[in-house]
Each structure stands twice: as C-alpha cells, then as structure tokens.
Amino acid sequence: MGTAAGTVLLVSAKAGFSSPTDRPLNPQAAGATGPVPSGSVPPPSSGPAPAGSMPPGNGGATTMTTTAAPPAGGGTKTTSAPKPTTAAPKPPRTTMKDGTFGGTSVYVEYGSVELSIVVSGGKITDIKVLDSPSDHSRSVQINNSALPKLKAQALAAQSANIDTVSGATYTSSGYKLSLQSAIDRALQA
C-alpha cells in the first residue's frame, strides 16, 4: 500500500495536480495565524512522515493527499488526481481555406472599396473588385490604372502588405483594408 500511495503522490507531484482535500501540514508555514482548528492536520513531527504525505521540497508547502481504504477482499485501491479540464487554445490557422471570401466594404475619400478573393490550394488566385470609387470621371480614370497594379502586387505578395499606388492613395488604403479582411475570413474559415 505504501508503494501505491507513493507512486500516486509522485505522479501527482510531477503533473502539478492537487485536490481540494490538500491541506498544509504546517498551517503556520503556509501563512496561517492563530490556533489550528480541530480536525486539521497537526504540525509535522520528527518521526516518519504519515502515509500519503509528500516529501518537503515543493516550494516550501508540504501537502497531504488521501488514498482510499482497501476494498473488502484484500485488494488495494487508490484514487488518482483529477485530469485538468482546460484544453489548450487552438492555434491560429496559418493557411487559407479554399473558396471565395468577401472583404469588408471600406469607405474612403470619393467612395467605397470592396473586394473578394478566390483561394485555391491555400493561395490567393484571384481578386475581384466589387466596389470602387466611381462617382467622378477622374476617380474612374485613377482606379482603371491603380486597381490592376494593386491586384498584381497582392497576388505576388499573397498578403495585404503591398505598396500604395502613386496618385491613388485613398483607393490603395481601402484596397488594403478590404483585402486584409477577406484574408482574415479565409484564415478563420
């Protein structure tokens, strides 16, 4: 029984588990003041450690773990520490899921910019402009020149980390923001 209890204690100590029944062996060493309530664990004696206690050296706090009494029939039964209930958070996705993902409509000076991306094999294969500033003939002229350049840069970079096209600062900033939101959706899908 001593070997089984020792094994459980070692496994519990290695895994860092504790149970709600763990109590300090020496309440004064654990920061408690005043008298020790009846029914609590007495301070350690100079004699051998009680069965089920952990050896000193775990940060100054010595705790006691309980084991179940042997069942009728002579066998030994011990209880193990509970497993942790919190799961590790899922790491963020590093590749885009295949499909078509729409970006957020971003209002910029002279109008809105909105894109969608097509992802195949985890890479952006096409970028479609759903909306761009077109209220003024000058905006249309600027965008007819700037949008193909922005698309080429984004396809080459596979990201929204692209250069602003000279003369199309507002359209470029809206393009980058809408593109990034579409990429984020592809990563979260």
C-alpha atoms as a PDB file:
ATOM      1  CA  MET A   1       0.000   0.000   0.000  1.00  0.00           C
ATOM      2  CA  GLY A   2       2.882   2.357   0.764  1.00  0.00           C
ATOM      3  CA  THR A   3       4.331   1.827  -2.724  1.00  0.00           C
ATOM      4  CA  ALA A   4       0.995   2.525  -4.424  1.00  0.00           C
ATOM      5  CA  ALA A   5       0.448   5.670  -2.372  1.00  0.00           C
ATOM      6  CA  GLY A   6       3.994   6.837  -3.094  1.00  0.00           C
ATOM      7  CA  THR A   7       3.524   6.259  -6.819  1.00  0.00           C
ATOM      8  CA  VAL A   8       0.275   8.239  -6.858  1.00  0.00           C
ATOM      9  CA  LEU A   9       1.951  11.054  -4.979  1.00  0.00           C
ATOM     10  CA  LEU A  10       4.930  11.156  -7.316  1.00  0.00           C
ATOM     11  CA  VAL A  11       2.683  11.201 -10.394  1.00  0.00           C
ATOM     12  CA  SER A  12       0.553  13.935  -8.829  1.00  0.00           C
ATOM     13  CA  ALA A  13       3.585  15.999  -7.892  1.00  0.00           C
ATOM     14  CA  LYS A  14       5.156  15.654 -11.355  1.00  0.00           C
ATOM     15  CA  ALA A  15       1.922  16.637 -13.089  1.00  0.00           C
ATOM     16  CA  GLY A  16       1.297  19.527 -10.710  1.00  0.00           C
ATOM     17  CA  PHE A  17      -2.130  18.278  -9.691  1.00  0.00           C
ATOM     18  CA  SER A  18      -3.730  18.970  -6.359  1.00  0.00           C
ATOM     19  CA  SER A  19      -7.062  18.054  -4.920  1.00  0.00           C
ATOM     20  CA  PRO A  20      -9.478  20.149  -2.906  1.00  0.00           C
ATOM     21  CA  THR A  21      -8.608  17.991   0.121  1.00  0.00           C
ATOM     22  CA  ASP A  22      -4.951  19.051   0.064  1.00  0.00           C
ATOM     23  CA  ARG A  23      -4.046  20.860   3.251  1.00  0.00           C
ATOM     24  CA  PRO A  24      -0.809  22.253   4.526  1.00  0.00           C
ATOM     25  CA  LEU A  25       0.857  20.020   7.099  1.00  0.00           C
ATOM     26  CA  ASN A  26       2.057  23.086   8.969  1.00  0.00           C
ATOM     27  CA  PRO A  27      -0.530  25.896   8.841  1.00  0.00           C
ATOM     28  CA  GLN A  28       1.937  28.401  10.336  1.00  0.00           C
ATOM     29  CA  ALA A  29       4.428  27.727   7.493  1.00  0.00           C
ATOM     30  CA  ALA A  30       1.658  28.250   4.951  1.00  0.00           C
ATOM     31  CA  GLY A  31       0.883  31.691   6.335  1.00  0.00           C
ATOM     32  CA  ALA A  32      -1.963  30.778   8.711  1.00  0.00           C
ATOM     33  CA  THR A  33      -2.111  32.533  12.034  1.00  0.00           C
ATOM     34  CA  GLY A  34      -3.884  31.722  15.253  1.00  0.00           C
ATOM     35  CA  PRO A  35      -4.882  28.356  16.638  1.00  0.00           C
ATOM     36  CA  VAL A  36      -5.169  25.293  14.463  1.00  0.00           C
ATOM     37  CA  PRO A  37      -8.826  24.225  14.170  1.00  0.00           C
ATOM     38  CA  SER A  38      -9.701  20.790  15.480  1.00  0.00           C
ATOM     39  CA  GLY A  39      -9.736  18.091  12.860  1.00  0.00           C
ATOM     40  CA  SER A  40      -6.942  19.694  10.858  1.00  0.00           C
ATOM     41  CA  VAL A  41      -3.572  18.136  10.228  1.00  0.00           C
ATOM     42  CA  PRO A  42      -1.171  18.542  13.130  1.00  0.00           C
ATOM     43  CA  PRO A  43       2.275  20.054  12.602  1.00  0.00           C
ATOM     44  CA  PRO A  44       4.882  17.584  11.342  1.00  0.00           C
ATOM     45  CA  SER A  45       6.676  15.579  13.958  1.00  0.00           C
ATOM     46  CA  SER A  46      10.267  14.454  13.964  1.00  0.00           C
ATOM     47  CA  GLY A  47       9.115  10.884  13.318  1.00  0.00           C
ATOM     48  CA  PRO A  48       8.437   9.269   9.961  1.00  0.00           C
ATOM     49  CA  ALA A  49       6.083  11.053   7.593  1.00  0.00           C
ATOM     50  CA  PRO A  50       2.498   9.797   7.600  1.00  0.00           C
ATOM     51  CA  ALA A  51       1.486   7.536   4.717  1.00  0.00           C
ATOM     52  CA  GLY A  52       0.249   9.597   1.783  1.00  0.00           C
ATOM     53  CA  SER A  53       2.240  12.739   2.557  1.00  0.00           C
ATOM     54  CA  MET A  54       4.635  14.343   0.094  1.00  0.00           C
ATOM     55  CA  PRO A  55       8.260  14.950   0.959  1.00  0.00           C
ATOM     56  CA  PRO A  56       9.386  18.540   1.567  1.00  0.00           C
ATOM     57  CA  GLY A  57      10.908  20.444  -1.331  1.00  0.00           C
ATOM     58  CA  ASN A  58       7.861  21.508  -3.325  1.00  0.00           C
ATOM     59  CA  GLY A  59       8.179  25.232  -2.802  1.00  0.00           C
ATOM     60  CA  GLY A  60       8.037  25.140   0.978  1.00  0.00           C
ATOM     61  CA  ALA A  61       4.441  23.884   1.176  1.00  0.00           C
ATOM     62  CA  THR A  62       4.003  20.279   2.180  1.00  0.00           C
ATOM     63  CA  THR A  63       0.623  18.828   1.320  1.00  0.00           C
ATOM     64  CA  MET A  64      -1.204  15.642   2.145  1.00  0.00           C
ATOM     65  CA  THR A  65      -3.033  13.514  -0.382  1.00  0.00           C
ATOM     66  CA  THR A  66      -5.586  10.959   0.752  1.00  0.00           C
ATOM     67  CA  THR A  67      -5.931   7.431  -0.546  1.00  0.00           C
ATOM     68  CA  ALA A  68      -8.985   5.236  -0.344  1.00  0.00           C
ATOM     69  CA  ALA A  69      -9.149   2.401   2.163  1.00  0.00           C
ATOM     70  CA  PRO A  70      -8.510  -1.024   0.687  1.00  0.00           C
ATOM     71  CA  PRO A  71     -11.702  -2.680  -0.541  1.00  0.00           C
ATOM     72  CA  ALA A  72     -13.050  -5.723   1.229  1.00  0.00           C
ATOM     73  CA  GLY A  73     -11.267  -8.631  -0.350  1.00  0.00           C
ATOM     74  CA  GLY A  74      -7.726  -7.544   0.349  1.00  0.00           C
ATOM     75  CA  GLY A  75      -7.002  -5.639  -2.904  1.00  0.00           C
ATOM     76  CA  THR A  76      -5.539  -2.162  -2.919  1.00  0.00           C
ATOM     77  CA  LYS A  77      -7.413   0.731  -4.476  1.00  0.00           C
ATOM     78  CA  THR A  78      -6.049   4.231  -4.817  1.00  0.00           C
ATOM     79  CA  THR A  79      -7.612   7.360  -6.193  1.00  0.00           C
ATOM     80  CA  SER A  80      -5.740   9.351  -8.757  1.00  0.00           C
ATOM     81  CA  ALA A  81      -5.624  13.099  -9.134  1.00  0.00           C
ATOM     82  CA  PRO A  82      -8.208  14.618 -11.492  1.00  0.00           C
ATOM     83  CA  LYS A  83      -7.093  15.460 -15.005  1.00  0.00           C
ATOM     84  CA  PRO A  84      -7.005  19.139 -15.984  1.00  0.00           C
ATOM     85  CA  THR A  85     -10.253  20.301 -17.548  1.00  0.00           C
ATOM     86  CA  THR A  86      -8.953  23.160 -19.640  1.00  0.00           C
ATOM     87  CA  ALA A  87      -7.907  22.402 -23.191  1.00  0.00           C
ATOM     88  CA  ALA A  88      -5.118  24.295 -24.879  1.00  0.00           C
ATOM     89  CA  PRO A  89      -6.432  27.021 -27.187  1.00  0.00           C
ATOM     90  CA  LYS A  90      -6.485  26.145 -30.834  1.00  0.00           C
ATOM     91  CA  PRO A  91      -3.537  27.745 -32.628  1.00  0.00           C
ATOM     92  CA  PRO A  92      -4.459  30.278 -35.306  1.00  0.00           C
ATOM     93  CA  ARG A  93      -4.741  28.886 -38.791  1.00  0.00           C
ATOM     94  CA  THR A  94      -1.699  29.616 -40.963  1.00  0.00           C
ATOM     95  CA  THR A  95      -3.134  28.627 -44.341  1.00  0.00           C
ATOM     96  CA  MET A  96      -6.212  29.955 -46.047  1.00  0.00           C
ATOM     97  CA  LYS A  97      -9.147  27.679 -46.705  1.00  0.00           C
ATOM     98  CA  ASP A  98     -10.086  27.252 -50.355  1.00  0.00           C
ATOM     99  CA  GLY A  99     -13.133  29.191 -51.530  1.00  0.00           C
ATOM    100  CA  THR A 100     -14.331  32.731 -52.234  1.00  0.00           C
ATOM    101  CA  PHE A 101     -14.225  35.212 -49.359  1.00  0.00           C
ATOM    102  CA  GLY A 102     -15.657  38.727 -49.380  1.00  0.00           C
ATOM    103  CA  GLY A 103     -13.858  41.611 -47.772  1.00  0.00           C
ATOM    104  CA  THR A 104     -15.394  44.415 -45.780  1.00  0.00           C
ATOM    105  CA  SER A 105     -16.629  47.459 -47.688  1.00  0.00           C
ATOM    106  CA  VAL A 106     -14.269  50.287 -46.725  1.00  0.00           C
ATOM    107  CA  TYR A 107     -15.339  53.886 -47.214  1.00  0.00           C
ATOM    108  CA  VAL A 108     -12.537  56.136 -48.437  1.00  0.00           C
ATOM    109  CA  GLU A 109     -12.474  59.648 -49.854  1.00  0.00           C
ATOM    110  CA  TYR A 110     -14.584  59.659 -53.076  1.00  0.00           C
ATOM    111  CA  GLY A 111     -16.338  56.307 -52.421  1.00  0.00           C
ATOM    112  CA  SER A 112     -16.084  52.754 -51.109  1.00  0.00           C
ATOM    113  CA  VAL A 113     -13.713  49.912 -51.910  1.00  0.00           C
ATOM    114  CA  GLU A 114     -14.842  46.303 -51.545  1.00  0.00           C
ATOM    115  CA  LEU A 115     -13.082  43.141 -52.720  1.00  0.00           C
ATOM    116  CA  SER A 116     -13.455  39.404 -52.727  1.00  0.00           C
ATOM    117  CA  ILE A 117     -10.672  36.866 -53.027  1.00  0.00           C
ATOM    118  CA  VAL A 118     -10.595  33.414 -54.550  1.00  0.00           C
ATOM    119  CA  VAL A 119      -8.370  30.949 -52.689  1.00  0.00           C
ATOM    120  CA  SER A 120      -7.224  27.700 -54.244  1.00  0.00           C
ATOM    121  CA  GLY A 121      -4.582  25.407 -52.797  1.00  0.00           C
ATOM    122  CA  GLY A 122      -4.217  27.769 -49.838  1.00  0.00           C
ATOM    123  CA  LYS A 123      -3.139  30.662 -52.095  1.00  0.00           C
ATOM    124  CA  ILE A 124      -4.935  33.722 -53.422  1.00  0.00           C
ATOM    125  CA  THR A 125      -5.537  33.027 -57.106  1.00  0.00           C
ATOM    126  CA  ASP A 126      -7.841  35.936 -57.964  1.00  0.00           C
ATOM    127  CA  ILE A 127      -9.024  39.242 -56.517  1.00  0.00           C
ATOM    128  CA  LYS A 128     -12.304  40.708 -57.688  1.00  0.00           C
ATOM    129  CA  VAL A 129     -13.213  44.359 -57.149  1.00  0.00           C
ATOM    130  CA  LEU A 130     -16.854  44.507 -56.078  1.00  0.00           C
ATOM    131  CA  ASP A 131     -16.936  48.267 -55.496  1.00  0.00           C
ATOM    132  CA  SER A 132     -14.567  51.186 -56.055  1.00  0.00           C
ATOM    133  CA  PRO A 133     -14.909  54.985 -56.157  1.00  0.00           C
ATOM    134  CA  SER A 134     -16.758  55.829 -59.381  1.00  0.00           C
ATOM    135  CA  ASP A 135     -18.751  58.993 -58.687  1.00  0.00           C
ATOM    136  CA  HIS A 136     -16.329  61.200 -60.644  1.00  0.00           C
ATOM    137  CA  SER A 137     -14.795  60.531 -64.039  1.00  0.00           C
ATOM    138  CA  ARG A 138     -11.346  61.277 -62.535  1.00  0.00           C
ATOM    139  CA  SER A 139     -11.896  58.541 -59.889  1.00  0.00           C
ATOM    140  CA  VAL A 140     -12.763  56.035 -62.619  1.00  0.00           C
ATOM    141  CA  GLN A 141      -9.637  57.012 -64.569  1.00  0.00           C
ATOM    142  CA  ILE A 142      -7.412  56.685 -61.482  1.00  0.00           C
ATOM    143  CA  ASN A 143      -8.925  53.329 -60.491  1.00  0.00           C
ATOM    144  CA  ASN A 144      -8.640  51.914 -64.028  1.00  0.00           C
ATOM    145  CA  SER A 145      -4.895  52.439 -63.687  1.00  0.00           C
ATOM    146  CA  ALA A 146      -4.405  51.666 -59.974  1.00  0.00           C
ATOM    147  CA  LEU A 147      -6.585  48.588 -59.396  1.00  0.00           C
ATOM    148  CA  PRO A 148      -4.664  46.251 -61.772  1.00  0.00           C
ATOM    149  CA  LYS A 149      -1.377  47.324 -60.124  1.00  0.00           C
ATOM    150  CA  LEU A 150      -2.760  46.673 -56.648  1.00  0.00           C
ATOM    151  CA  LYS A 151      -4.073  43.274 -57.744  1.00  0.00           C
ATOM    152  CA  ALA A 152      -0.714  42.258 -59.223  1.00  0.00           C
ATOM    153  CA  GLN A 153       1.108  43.271 -56.033  1.00  0.00           C
ATOM    154  CA  ALA A 154      -1.345  41.424 -53.782  1.00  0.00           C
ATOM    155  CA  LEU A 155      -1.170  38.235 -55.857  1.00  0.00           C
ATOM    156  CA  ALA A 156       2.626  38.346 -55.775  1.00  0.00           C
ATOM    157  CA  ALA A 157       2.788  39.096 -52.020  1.00  0.00           C
ATOM    158  CA  GLN A 158      -0.114  36.765 -51.069  1.00  0.00           C
ATOM    159  CA  SER A 159      -0.979  39.359 -48.439  1.00  0.00           C
ATOM    160  CA  ALA A 160      -2.305  42.868 -47.945  1.00  0.00           C
ATOM    161  CA  ASN A 161       1.213  44.116 -47.260  1.00  0.00           C
ATOM    162  CA  ILE A 162       1.518  45.972 -50.570  1.00  0.00           C
ATOM    163  CA  ASP A 163       2.697  49.396 -51.708  1.00  0.00           C
ATOM    164  CA  THR A 164       0.386  52.335 -52.232  1.00  0.00           C
ATOM    165  CA  VAL A 165      -0.061  53.267 -55.883  1.00  0.00           C
ATOM    166  CA  SER A 166       1.030  56.856 -56.503  1.00  0.00           C
ATOM    167  CA  GLY A 167      -1.951  59.070 -57.328  1.00  0.00           C
ATOM    168  CA  ALA A 168      -4.419  56.557 -55.842  1.00  0.00           C
ATOM    169  CA  THR A 169      -3.690  56.882 -52.129  1.00  0.00           C
ATOM    170  CA  TYR A 170      -7.295  56.611 -50.954  1.00  0.00           C
ATOM    171  CA  THR A 171      -8.165  53.702 -53.224  1.00  0.00           C
ATOM    172  CA  SER A 172      -4.928  51.933 -52.200  1.00  0.00           C
ATOM    173  CA  SER A 173      -5.687  52.238 -48.471  1.00  0.00           C
ATOM    174  CA  GLY A 174      -9.260  50.973 -48.944  1.00  0.00           C
ATOM    175  CA  TYR A 175      -7.984  48.127 -51.140  1.00  0.00           C
ATOM    176  CA  LYS A 176      -5.507  47.006 -48.473  1.00  0.00           C
ATOM    177  CA  LEU A 177      -8.116  47.090 -45.683  1.00  0.00           C
ATOM    178  CA  SER A 178     -10.761  45.209 -47.654  1.00  0.00           C
ATOM    179  CA  LEU A 179      -8.172  42.679 -48.849  1.00  0.00           C
ATOM    180  CA  GLN A 180      -6.948  42.063 -45.289  1.00  0.00           C
ATOM    181  CA  SER A 181     -10.499  41.456 -44.055  1.00  0.00           C
ATOM    182  CA  ALA A 182     -11.057  38.902 -46.855  1.00  0.00           C
ATOM    183  CA  ILE A 183      -7.755  37.171 -45.977  1.00  0.00           C
ATOM    184  CA  ASP A 184      -8.768  37.092 -42.304  1.00  0.00           C
ATOM    185  CA  ARG A 185     -12.045  35.397 -43.234  1.00  0.00           C
ATOM    186  CA  ALA A 186     -10.185  32.818 -45.320  1.00  0.00           C
ATOM    187  CA  LEU A 187      -7.866  32.094 -42.389  1.00  0.00           C
ATOM    188  CA  GLN A 188     -10.756  31.754 -39.905  1.00  0.00           C
ATOM    189  CA  ALA A 189     -12.892  29.532 -42.147  1.00  0.00           C
END
